[in-house]
Amino acid sequence: MTKLIEVRALDSYRLWLRYADGVEGVVDLSDHVGKGVFAAWEDPRVFARVTIGSSGELVCNDEVDLDPDALYLKLTGKKPEDMFPRLRELIPNAGN
């Protein structure tokens, strides 16, 4: 797991992210807007208040927390077993 060290909300429900290992880039979260807890993002000001929480998660409001590992995977195109090699041992056929 790599630590998320910086986040900035961009227009069109995109986030610029930087991780401790030097990976940085933009993820598009527009497909979540209006669905379930993400209904709050229909007000772009809610999305714009994204911060890094005390446990390293991304926080937009009291209802929306985003997993930085999942965003890292989305950003890099890696699979969970790439980040957590032990999964290959625990899950049959992982990585195949």
PDB file of N, CA and C in Angstrom:
ATOM      1  N   MET A   1       0.851  -1.179   0.000  1.00  0.00           N
ATOM      2  CA  MET A   1       0.000   0.000   0.000  1.00  0.00           C
ATOM      3  C   MET A   1       0.884   1.224   0.000  1.00  0.00           C
ATOM      4  N   THR A   2       0.553   2.186  -0.802  1.00  0.00           N
ATOM      5  CA  THR A   2       1.296   3.430  -0.844  1.00  0.00           C
ATOM      6  C   THR A   2       0.411   4.545  -0.307  1.00  0.00           C
ATOM      7  N   LYS A   3       1.012   5.477   0.340  1.00  0.00           N
ATOM      8  CA  LYS A   3       0.265   6.529   1.031  1.00  0.00           C
ATOM      9  C   LYS A   3      -0.105   7.670   0.087  1.00  0.00           C
ATOM     10  N   LEU A   4      -1.364   8.079   0.154  1.00  0.00           N
ATOM     11  CA  LEU A   4      -1.828   9.254  -0.572  1.00  0.00           C
ATOM     12  C   LEU A   4      -1.330  10.490   0.171  1.00  0.00           C
ATOM     13  N   ILE A   5      -0.644  11.390  -0.534  1.00  0.00           N
ATOM     14  CA  ILE A   5      -0.078  12.550   0.150  1.00  0.00           C
ATOM     15  C   ILE A   5      -0.668  13.884  -0.288  1.00  0.00           C
ATOM     16  N   GLU A   6      -1.380  13.889  -1.428  1.00  0.00           N
ATOM     17  CA  GLU A   6      -1.966  15.152  -1.872  1.00  0.00           C
ATOM     18  C   GLU A   6      -3.159  14.882  -2.777  1.00  0.00           C
ATOM     19  N   VAL A   7      -4.175  15.723  -2.658  1.00  0.00           N
ATOM     20  CA  VAL A   7      -5.360  15.615  -3.502  1.00  0.00           C
ATOM     21  C   VAL A   7      -5.868  17.010  -3.838  1.00  0.00           C
ATOM     22  N   ARG A   8      -6.359  17.150  -5.068  1.00  0.00           N
ATOM     23  CA  ARG A   8      -7.012  18.394  -5.485  1.00  0.00           C
ATOM     24  C   ARG A   8      -8.234  18.044  -6.320  1.00  0.00           C
ATOM     25  N   ALA A   9      -9.351  18.671  -6.004  1.00  0.00           N
ATOM     26  CA  ALA A   9     -10.556  18.504  -6.814  1.00  0.00           C
ATOM     27  C   ALA A   9     -10.424  19.360  -8.063  1.00  0.00           C
ATOM     28  N   LEU A  10     -10.758  18.765  -9.185  1.00  0.00           N
ATOM     29  CA  LEU A  10     -10.751  19.465 -10.468  1.00  0.00           C
ATOM     30  C   LEU A  10     -12.175  19.561 -10.981  1.00  0.00           C
ATOM     31  N   ASP A  11     -12.355  20.268 -12.080  1.00  0.00           N
ATOM     32  CA  ASP A  11     -13.701  20.368 -12.660  1.00  0.00           C
ATOM     33  C   ASP A  11     -14.150  19.022 -13.207  1.00  0.00           C
ATOM     34  N   SER A  12     -15.428  18.916 -13.481  1.00  0.00           N
ATOM     35  CA  SER A  12     -16.033  17.714 -14.068  1.00  0.00           C
ATOM     36  C   SER A  12     -15.845  16.468 -13.211  1.00  0.00           C
ATOM     37  N   TYR A  13     -15.785  16.646 -11.891  1.00  0.00           N
ATOM     38  CA  TYR A  13     -15.708  15.536 -10.933  1.00  0.00           C
ATOM     39  C   TYR A  13     -14.472  14.661 -11.141  1.00  0.00           C
ATOM     40  N   ARG A  14     -13.359  15.332 -11.325  1.00  0.00           N
ATOM     41  CA  ARG A  14     -12.083  14.645 -11.441  1.00  0.00           C
ATOM     42  C   ARG A  14     -11.220  15.017 -10.235  1.00  0.00           C
ATOM     43  N   LEU A  15     -10.333  14.103  -9.859  1.00  0.00           N
ATOM     44  CA  LEU A  15      -9.403  14.349  -8.763  1.00  0.00           C
ATOM     45  C   LEU A  15      -7.977  14.192  -9.261  1.00  0.00           C
ATOM     46  N   TRP A  16      -7.122  15.137  -8.877  1.00  0.00           N
ATOM     47  CA  TRP A  16      -5.690  14.976  -9.092  1.00  0.00           C
ATOM     48  C   TRP A  16      -5.135  14.409  -7.790  1.00  0.00           C
ATOM     49  N   LEU A  17      -4.391  13.308  -7.902  1.00  0.00           N
ATOM     50  CA  LEU A  17      -3.871  12.606  -6.738  1.00  0.00           C
ATOM     51  C   LEU A  17      -2.354  12.459  -6.847  1.00  0.00           C
ATOM     52  N   ARG A  18      -1.674  12.523  -5.694  1.00  0.00           N
ATOM     53  CA  ARG A  18      -0.250  12.208  -5.646  1.00  0.00           C
ATOM     54  C   ARG A  18      -0.016  11.252  -4.480  1.00  0.00           C
ATOM     55  N   TYR A  19       0.754  10.209  -4.769  1.00  0.00           N
ATOM     56  CA  TYR A  19       1.076   9.182  -3.779  1.00  0.00           C
ATOM     57  C   TYR A  19       2.557   9.258  -3.404  1.00  0.00           C
ATOM     58  N   ALA A  20       2.884   8.694  -2.262  1.00  0.00           N
ATOM     59  CA  ALA A  20       4.243   8.752  -1.730  1.00  0.00           C
ATOM     60  C   ALA A  20       5.266   8.075  -2.635  1.00  0.00           C
ATOM     61  N   ASP A  21       4.844   7.139  -3.466  1.00  0.00           N
ATOM     62  CA  ASP A  21       5.783   6.453  -4.354  1.00  0.00           C
ATOM     63  C   ASP A  21       6.048   7.228  -5.644  1.00  0.00           C
ATOM     64  N   GLY A  22       5.490   8.452  -5.742  1.00  0.00           N
ATOM     65  CA  GLY A  22       5.711   9.294  -6.905  1.00  0.00           C
ATOM     66  C   GLY A  22       4.629   9.205  -7.962  1.00  0.00           C
ATOM     67  N   VAL A  23       3.731   8.252  -7.847  1.00  0.00           N
ATOM     68  CA  VAL A  23       2.627   8.142  -8.806  1.00  0.00           C
ATOM     69  C   VAL A  23       1.694   9.333  -8.604  1.00  0.00           C
ATOM     70  N   GLU A  24       1.341   9.965  -9.702  1.00  0.00           N
ATOM     71  CA  GLU A  24       0.361  11.053  -9.652  1.00  0.00           C
ATOM     72  C   GLU A  24      -0.422  11.066 -10.947  1.00  0.00           C
ATOM     73  N   GLY A  25      -1.604  11.629 -10.867  1.00  0.00           N
ATOM     74  CA  GLY A  25      -2.440  11.710 -12.052  1.00  0.00           C
ATOM     75  C   GLY A  25      -3.877  12.033 -11.699  1.00  0.00           C
ATOM     76  N   VAL A  26      -4.731  11.947 -12.690  1.00  0.00           N
ATOM     77  CA  VAL A  26      -6.128  12.356 -12.562  1.00  0.00           C
ATOM     78  C   VAL A  26      -7.037  11.138 -12.717  1.00  0.00           C
ATOM     79  N   VAL A  27      -8.014  11.024 -11.813  1.00  0.00           N
ATOM     80  CA  VAL A  27      -9.056  10.009 -11.939  1.00  0.00           C
ATOM     81  C   VAL A  27     -10.398  10.715 -12.120  1.00  0.00           C
ATOM     82  N   ASP A  28     -11.207  10.159 -12.978  1.00  0.00           N
ATOM     83  CA  ASP A  28     -12.526  10.705 -13.278  1.00  0.00           C
ATOM     84  C   ASP A  28     -13.558   9.944 -12.464  1.00  0.00           C
ATOM     85  N   LEU A  29     -14.285  10.653 -11.607  1.00  0.00           N
ATOM     86  CA  LEU A  29     -15.313  10.039 -10.774  1.00  0.00           C
ATOM     87  C   LEU A  29     -16.717  10.484 -11.171  1.00  0.00           C
ATOM     88  N   SER A  30     -16.841  11.070 -12.347  1.00  0.00           N
ATOM     89  CA  SER A  30     -18.127  11.626 -12.780  1.00  0.00           C
ATOM     90  C   SER A  30     -19.211  10.559 -12.907  1.00  0.00           C
ATOM     91  N   ASP A  31     -18.825   9.314 -13.139  1.00  0.00           N
ATOM     92  CA  ASP A  31     -19.840   8.263 -13.277  1.00  0.00           C
ATOM     93  C   ASP A  31     -20.532   7.933 -11.949  1.00  0.00           C
ATOM     94  N   HIS A  32     -20.005   8.421 -10.832  1.00  0.00           N
ATOM     95  CA  HIS A  32     -20.614   8.180  -9.516  1.00  0.00           C
ATOM     96  C   HIS A  32     -21.645   9.249  -9.119  1.00  0.00           C
ATOM     97  N   VAL A  33     -21.568  10.412  -9.726  1.00  0.00           N
ATOM     98  CA  VAL A  33     -22.407  11.548  -9.330  1.00  0.00           C
ATOM     99  C   VAL A  33     -23.890  11.180  -9.404  1.00  0.00           C
ATOM    100  N   GLY A  34     -24.590  11.463  -8.307  1.00  0.00           N
ATOM    101  CA  GLY A  34     -26.028  11.249  -8.254  1.00  0.00           C
ATOM    102  C   GLY A  34     -26.445   9.854  -7.823  1.00  0.00           C
ATOM    103  N   LYS A  35     -25.491   8.944  -7.611  1.00  0.00           N
ATOM    104  CA  LYS A  35     -25.810   7.561  -7.250  1.00  0.00           C
ATOM    105  C   LYS A  35     -25.553   7.327  -5.769  1.00  0.00           C
ATOM    106  N   GLY A  36     -26.561   6.879  -5.048  1.00  0.00           N
ATOM    107  CA  GLY A  36     -26.419   6.561  -3.623  1.00  0.00           C
ATOM    108  C   GLY A  36     -25.866   7.726  -2.832  1.00  0.00           C
ATOM    109  N   VAL A  37     -24.824   7.463  -2.034  1.00  0.00           N
ATOM    110  CA  VAL A  37     -24.235   8.531  -1.209  1.00  0.00           C
ATOM    111  C   VAL A  37     -23.602   9.620  -2.064  1.00  0.00           C
ATOM    112  N   PHE A  38     -23.342   9.318  -3.327  1.00  0.00           N
ATOM    113  CA  PHE A  38     -22.741  10.309  -4.210  1.00  0.00           C
ATOM    114  C   PHE A  38     -23.762  11.325  -4.745  1.00  0.00           C
ATOM    115  N   ALA A  39     -25.004  11.214  -4.316  1.00  0.00           N
ATOM    116  CA  ALA A  39     -26.010  12.219  -4.675  1.00  0.00           C
ATOM    117  C   ALA A  39     -25.587  13.589  -4.164  1.00  0.00           C
ATOM    118  N   ALA A  40     -24.833  13.611  -3.062  1.00  0.00           N
ATOM    119  CA  ALA A  40     -24.348  14.876  -2.505  1.00  0.00           C
ATOM    120  C   ALA A  40     -23.461  15.618  -3.502  1.00  0.00           C
ATOM    121  N   TRP A  41     -22.841  14.885  -4.427  1.00  0.00           N
ATOM    122  CA  TRP A  41     -21.963  15.521  -5.408  1.00  0.00           C
ATOM    123  C   TRP A  41     -22.730  16.274  -6.483  1.00  0.00           C
ATOM    124  N   GLU A  42     -24.041  16.164  -6.492  1.00  0.00           N
ATOM    125  CA  GLU A  42     -24.805  16.966  -7.447  1.00  0.00           C
ATOM    126  C   GLU A  42     -24.579  18.453  -7.172  1.00  0.00           C
ATOM    127  N   ASP A  43     -24.129  18.755  -5.972  1.00  0.00           N
ATOM    128  CA  ASP A  43     -23.659  20.101  -5.639  1.00  0.00           C
ATOM    129  C   ASP A  43     -22.130  20.056  -5.765  1.00  0.00           C
ATOM    130  N   PRO A  44     -21.567  20.618  -6.824  1.00  0.00           N
ATOM    131  CA  PRO A  44     -20.123  20.538  -7.051  1.00  0.00           C
ATOM    132  C   PRO A  44     -19.280  21.088  -5.893  1.00  0.00           C
ATOM    133  N   ARG A  45     -19.880  21.943  -5.062  1.00  0.00           N
ATOM    134  CA  ARG A  45     -19.128  22.486  -3.919  1.00  0.00           C
ATOM    135  C   ARG A  45     -18.806  21.393  -2.904  1.00  0.00           C
ATOM    136  N   VAL A  46     -19.673  20.387  -2.786  1.00  0.00           N
ATOM    137  CA  VAL A  46     -19.411  19.259  -1.884  1.00  0.00           C
ATOM    138  C   VAL A  46     -18.201  18.485  -2.387  1.00  0.00           C
ATOM    139  N   PHE A  47     -18.179  18.167  -3.673  1.00  0.00           N
ATOM    140  CA  PHE A  47     -17.049  17.453  -4.262  1.00  0.00           C
ATOM    141  C   PHE A  47     -15.751  18.249  -4.100  1.00  0.00           C
ATOM    142  N   ALA A  48     -15.835  19.553  -4.267  1.00  0.00           N
ATOM    143  CA  ALA A  48     -14.643  20.414  -4.214  1.00  0.00           C
ATOM    144  C   ALA A  48     -13.992  20.449  -2.836  1.00  0.00           C
ATOM    145  N   ARG A  49     -14.695  20.007  -1.803  1.00  0.00           N
ATOM    146  CA  ARG A  49     -14.145  20.041  -0.439  1.00  0.00           C
ATOM    147  C   ARG A  49     -13.384  18.767  -0.071  1.00  0.00           C
ATOM    148  N   VAL A  50     -13.021  17.965  -1.042  1.00  0.00           N
ATOM    149  CA  VAL A  50     -12.323  16.714  -0.772  1.00  0.00           C
ATOM    150  C   VAL A  50     -11.012  16.966  -0.014  1.00  0.00           C
ATOM    151  N   THR A  51     -10.772  16.128   0.974  1.00  0.00           N
ATOM    152  CA  THR A  51      -9.539  16.207   1.768  1.00  0.00           C
ATOM    153  C   THR A  51      -9.056  14.787   2.071  1.00  0.00           C
ATOM    154  N   ILE A  52      -7.873  14.708   2.621  1.00  0.00           N
ATOM    155  CA  ILE A  52      -7.351  13.423   3.085  1.00  0.00           C
ATOM    156  C   ILE A  52      -7.700  13.308   4.561  1.00  0.00           C
ATOM    157  N   GLY A  53      -8.394  12.237   4.927  1.00  0.00           N
ATOM    158  CA  GLY A  53      -8.824  12.011   6.301  1.00  0.00           C
ATOM    159  C   GLY A  53      -7.699  11.500   7.185  1.00  0.00           C
ATOM    160  N   SER A  54      -7.990  11.350   8.450  1.00  0.00           N
ATOM    161  CA  SER A  54      -6.993  10.963   9.440  1.00  0.00           C
ATOM    162  C   SER A  54      -6.434   9.556   9.218  1.00  0.00           C
ATOM    163  N   SER A  55      -7.165   8.704   8.510  1.00  0.00           N
ATOM    164  CA  SER A  55      -6.690   7.351   8.224  1.00  0.00           C
ATOM    165  C   SER A  55      -6.158   7.215   6.798  1.00  0.00           C
ATOM    166  N   GLY A  56      -6.010   8.334   6.106  1.00  0.00           N
ATOM    167  CA  GLY A  56      -5.499   8.317   4.742  1.00  0.00           C
ATOM    168  C   GLY A  56      -6.559   8.200   3.676  1.00  0.00           C
ATOM    169  N   GLU A  57      -7.815   8.086   4.083  1.00  0.00           N
ATOM    170  CA  GLU A  57      -8.919   7.992   3.126  1.00  0.00           C
ATOM    171  C   GLU A  57      -9.243   9.371   2.566  1.00  0.00           C
ATOM    172  N   LEU A  58      -9.917   9.400   1.430  1.00  0.00           N
ATOM    173  CA  LEU A  58     -10.398  10.663   0.877  1.00  0.00           C
ATOM    174  C   LEU A  58     -11.788  10.918   1.433  1.00  0.00           C
ATOM    175  N   VAL A  59     -12.001  12.113   1.913  1.00  0.00           N
ATOM    176  CA  VAL A  59     -13.274  12.477   2.533  1.00  0.00           C
ATOM    177  C   VAL A  59     -13.855  13.672   1.789  1.00  0.00           C
ATOM    178  N   CYS A  60     -15.137  13.534   1.398  1.00  0.00           N
ATOM    179  CA  CYS A  60     -15.823  14.646   0.737  1.00  0.00           C
ATOM    180  C   CYS A  60     -16.875  15.283   1.636  1.00  0.00           C
ATOM    181  N   ASN A  61     -17.493  14.489   2.471  1.00  0.00           N
ATOM    182  CA  ASN A  61     -18.448  14.975   3.458  1.00  0.00           C
ATOM    183  C   ASN A  61     -18.633  13.863   4.485  1.00  0.00           C
ATOM    184  N   ASP A  62     -19.618  13.993   5.345  1.00  0.00           N
ATOM    185  CA  ASP A  62     -19.818  12.986   6.389  1.00  0.00           C
ATOM    186  C   ASP A  62     -20.252  11.628   5.843  1.00  0.00           C
ATOM    187  N   GLU A  63     -20.715  11.576   4.605  1.00  0.00           N
ATOM    188  CA  GLU A  63     -21.240  10.333   4.050  1.00  0.00           C
ATOM    189  C   GLU A  63     -20.308   9.673   3.036  1.00  0.00           C
ATOM    190  N   VAL A  64     -19.354  10.409   2.485  1.00  0.00           N
ATOM    191  CA  VAL A  64     -18.549   9.882   1.392  1.00  0.00           C
ATOM    192  C   VAL A  64     -17.079   9.800   1.782  1.00  0.00           C
ATOM    193  N   ASP A  65     -16.574   8.561   1.864  1.00  0.00           N
ATOM    194  CA  ASP A  65     -15.150   8.284   2.045  1.00  0.00           C
ATOM    195  C   ASP A  65     -14.724   7.436   0.855  1.00  0.00           C
ATOM    196  N   LEU A  66     -13.569   7.731   0.311  1.00  0.00           N
ATOM    197  CA  LEU A  66     -13.061   6.966  -0.823  1.00  0.00           C
ATOM    198  C   LEU A  66     -11.760   6.287  -0.437  1.00  0.00           C
ATOM    199  N   ASP A  67     -11.624   5.033  -0.823  1.00  0.00           N
ATOM    200  CA  ASP A  67     -10.442   4.243  -0.515  1.00  0.00           C
ATOM    201  C   ASP A  67      -9.277   4.675  -1.411  1.00  0.00           C
ATOM    202  N   PRO A  68      -8.174   5.149  -0.822  1.00  0.00           N
ATOM    203  CA  PRO A  68      -7.045   5.586  -1.649  1.00  0.00           C
ATOM    204  C   PRO A  68      -6.409   4.442  -2.438  1.00  0.00           C
ATOM    205  N   ASP A  69      -6.487   3.210  -1.933  1.00  0.00           N
ATOM    206  CA  ASP A  69      -5.939   2.071  -2.674  1.00  0.00           C
ATOM    207  C   ASP A  69      -6.742   1.815  -3.943  1.00  0.00           C
ATOM    208  N   ALA A  70      -8.064   1.886  -3.840  1.00  0.00           N
ATOM    209  CA  ALA A  70      -8.916   1.687  -5.015  1.00  0.00           C
ATOM    210  C   ALA A  70      -8.650   2.773  -6.059  1.00  0.00           C
ATOM    211  N   LEU A  71      -8.443   3.997  -5.609  1.00  0.00           N
ATOM    212  CA  LEU A  71      -8.143   5.081  -6.542  1.00  0.00           C
ATOM    213  C   LEU A  71      -6.767   4.902  -7.175  1.00  0.00           C
ATOM    214  N   TYR A  72      -5.819   4.382  -6.409  1.00  0.00           N
ATOM    215  CA  TYR A  72      -4.483   4.090  -6.931  1.00  0.00           C
ATOM    216  C   TYR A  72      -4.583   3.051  -8.051  1.00  0.00           C
ATOM    217  N   LEU A  73      -5.377   2.012  -7.822  1.00  0.00           N
ATOM    218  CA  LEU A  73      -5.577   0.989  -8.839  1.00  0.00           C
ATOM    219  C   LEU A  73      -6.207   1.584 -10.093  1.00  0.00           C
ATOM    220  N   LYS A  74      -7.193   2.427  -9.898  1.00  0.00           N
ATOM    221  CA  LYS A  74      -7.866   3.072 -11.032  1.00  0.00           C
ATOM    222  C   LYS A  74      -6.883   3.958 -11.796  1.00  0.00           C
ATOM    223  N   LEU A  75      -6.055   4.680 -11.069  1.00  0.00           N
ATOM    224  CA  LEU A  75      -5.094   5.595 -11.669  1.00  0.00           C
ATOM    225  C   LEU A  75      -4.006   4.852 -12.441  1.00  0.00           C
ATOM    226  N   THR A  76      -3.505   3.772 -11.898  1.00  0.00           N
ATOM    227  CA  THR A  76      -2.378   3.060 -12.489  1.00  0.00           C
ATOM    228  C   THR A  76      -2.776   1.917 -13.414  1.00  0.00           C
ATOM    229  N   GLY A  77      -4.023   1.454 -13.297  1.00  0.00           N
ATOM    230  CA  GLY A  77      -4.453   0.307 -14.079  1.00  0.00           C
ATOM    231  C   GLY A  77      -3.959  -1.016 -13.511  1.00  0.00           C
ATOM    232  N   LYS A  78      -3.383  -0.977 -12.319  1.00  0.00           N
ATOM    233  CA  LYS A  78      -2.897  -2.201 -11.678  1.00  0.00           C
ATOM    234  C   LYS A  78      -4.068  -3.000 -11.106  1.00  0.00           C
ATOM    235  N   LYS A  79      -3.779  -4.261 -10.797  1.00  0.00           N
ATOM    236  CA  LYS A  79      -4.747  -5.141 -10.160  1.00  0.00           C
ATOM    237  C   LYS A  79      -4.419  -5.234  -8.675  1.00  0.00           C
ATOM    238  N   PRO A  80      -5.389  -5.598  -7.834  1.00  0.00           N
ATOM    239  CA  PRO A  80      -5.117  -5.705  -6.391  1.00  0.00           C
ATOM    240  C   PRO A  80      -3.910  -6.589  -6.078  1.00  0.00           C
ATOM    241  N   GLU A  81      -3.747  -7.692  -6.803  1.00  0.00           N
ATOM    242  CA  GLU A  81      -2.623  -8.581  -6.514  1.00  0.00           C
ATOM    243  C   GLU A  81      -1.277  -7.963  -6.883  1.00  0.00           C
ATOM    244  N   ASP A  82      -1.281  -6.909  -7.719  1.00  0.00           N
ATOM    245  CA  ASP A  82      -0.043  -6.185  -8.012  1.00  0.00           C
ATOM    246  C   ASP A  82       0.411  -5.378  -6.796  1.00  0.00           C
ATOM    247  N   MET A  83      -0.547  -4.831  -6.089  1.00  0.00           N
ATOM    248  CA  MET A  83      -0.236  -4.036  -4.891  1.00  0.00           C
ATOM    249  C   MET A  83      -0.041  -4.910  -3.664  1.00  0.00           C
ATOM    250  N   PHE A  84      -0.765  -6.001  -3.624  1.00  0.00           N
ATOM    251  CA  PHE A  84      -0.751  -6.894  -2.468  1.00  0.00           C
ATOM    252  C   PHE A  84      -0.391  -8.300  -2.959  1.00  0.00           C
ATOM    253  N   PRO A  85       0.892  -8.569  -3.203  1.00  0.00           N
ATOM    254  CA  PRO A  85       1.305  -9.842  -3.801  1.00  0.00           C
ATOM    255  C   PRO A  85       0.826 -11.082  -3.044  1.00  0.00           C
ATOM    256  N   ARG A  86       0.603 -10.969  -1.769  1.00  0.00           N
ATOM    257  CA  ARG A  86       0.151 -12.118  -0.986  1.00  0.00           C
ATOM    258  C   ARG A  86      -1.220 -12.626  -1.474  1.00  0.00           C
ATOM    259  N   LEU A  87      -1.976 -11.777  -2.132  1.00  0.00           N
ATOM    260  CA  LEU A  87      -3.262 -12.206  -2.683  1.00  0.00           C
ATOM    261  C   LEU A  87      -3.096 -13.359  -3.665  1.00  0.00           C
ATOM    262  N   ARG A  88      -1.968 -13.386  -4.355  1.00  0.00           N
ATOM    263  CA  ARG A  88      -1.723 -14.479  -5.305  1.00  0.00           C
ATOM    264  C   ARG A  88      -1.703 -15.830  -4.602  1.00  0.00           C
ATOM    265  N   GLU A  89      -1.230 -15.820  -3.353  1.00  0.00           N
ATOM    266  CA  GLU A  89      -1.176 -17.050  -2.572  1.00  0.00           C
ATOM    267  C   GLU A  89      -2.549 -17.411  -1.994  1.00  0.00           C
ATOM    268  N   LEU A  90      -3.333 -16.398  -1.675  1.00  0.00           N
ATOM    269  CA  LEU A  90      -4.601 -16.616  -0.995  1.00  0.00           C
ATOM    270  C   LEU A  90      -5.764 -16.900  -1.929  1.00  0.00           C
ATOM    271  N   ILE A  91      -5.681 -16.373  -3.145  1.00  0.00           N
ATOM    272  CA  ILE A  91      -6.792 -16.498  -4.089  1.00  0.00           C
ATOM    273  C   ILE A  91      -6.347 -17.352  -5.277  1.00  0.00           C
ATOM    274  N   PRO A  92      -6.963 -18.501  -5.450  1.00  0.00           N
ATOM    275  CA  PRO A  92      -6.595 -19.341  -6.596  1.00  0.00           C
ATOM    276  C   PRO A  92      -6.741 -18.587  -7.917  1.00  0.00           C
ATOM    277  N   ASN A  93      -5.773 -18.717  -8.777  1.00  0.00           N
ATOM    278  CA  ASN A  93      -5.776 -18.114 -10.121  1.00  0.00           C
ATOM    279  C   ASN A  93      -5.690 -16.595 -10.124  1.00  0.00           C
ATOM    280  N   ALA A  94      -5.372 -15.945  -8.990  1.00  0.00           N
ATOM    281  CA  ALA A  94      -5.217 -14.492  -8.987  1.00  0.00           C
ATOM    282  C   ALA A  94      -4.027 -14.140  -9.887  1.00  0.00           C
ATOM    283  N   GLY A  95      -4.209 -13.162 -10.699  1.00  0.00           N
ATOM    284  CA  GLY A  95      -3.144 -12.713 -11.584  1.00  0.00           C
ATOM    285  C   GLY A  95      -3.052 -13.510 -12.870  1.00  0.00           C
ATOM    286  N   ASN A  96      -3.937 -14.465 -13.074  1.00  0.00           N
ATOM    287  CA  ASN A  96      -3.933 -15.241 -14.328  1.00  0.00           C
ATOM    288  C   ASN A  96      -4.996 -14.751 -15.264  1.00  0.00           C
TER     289      ASN A  96
END
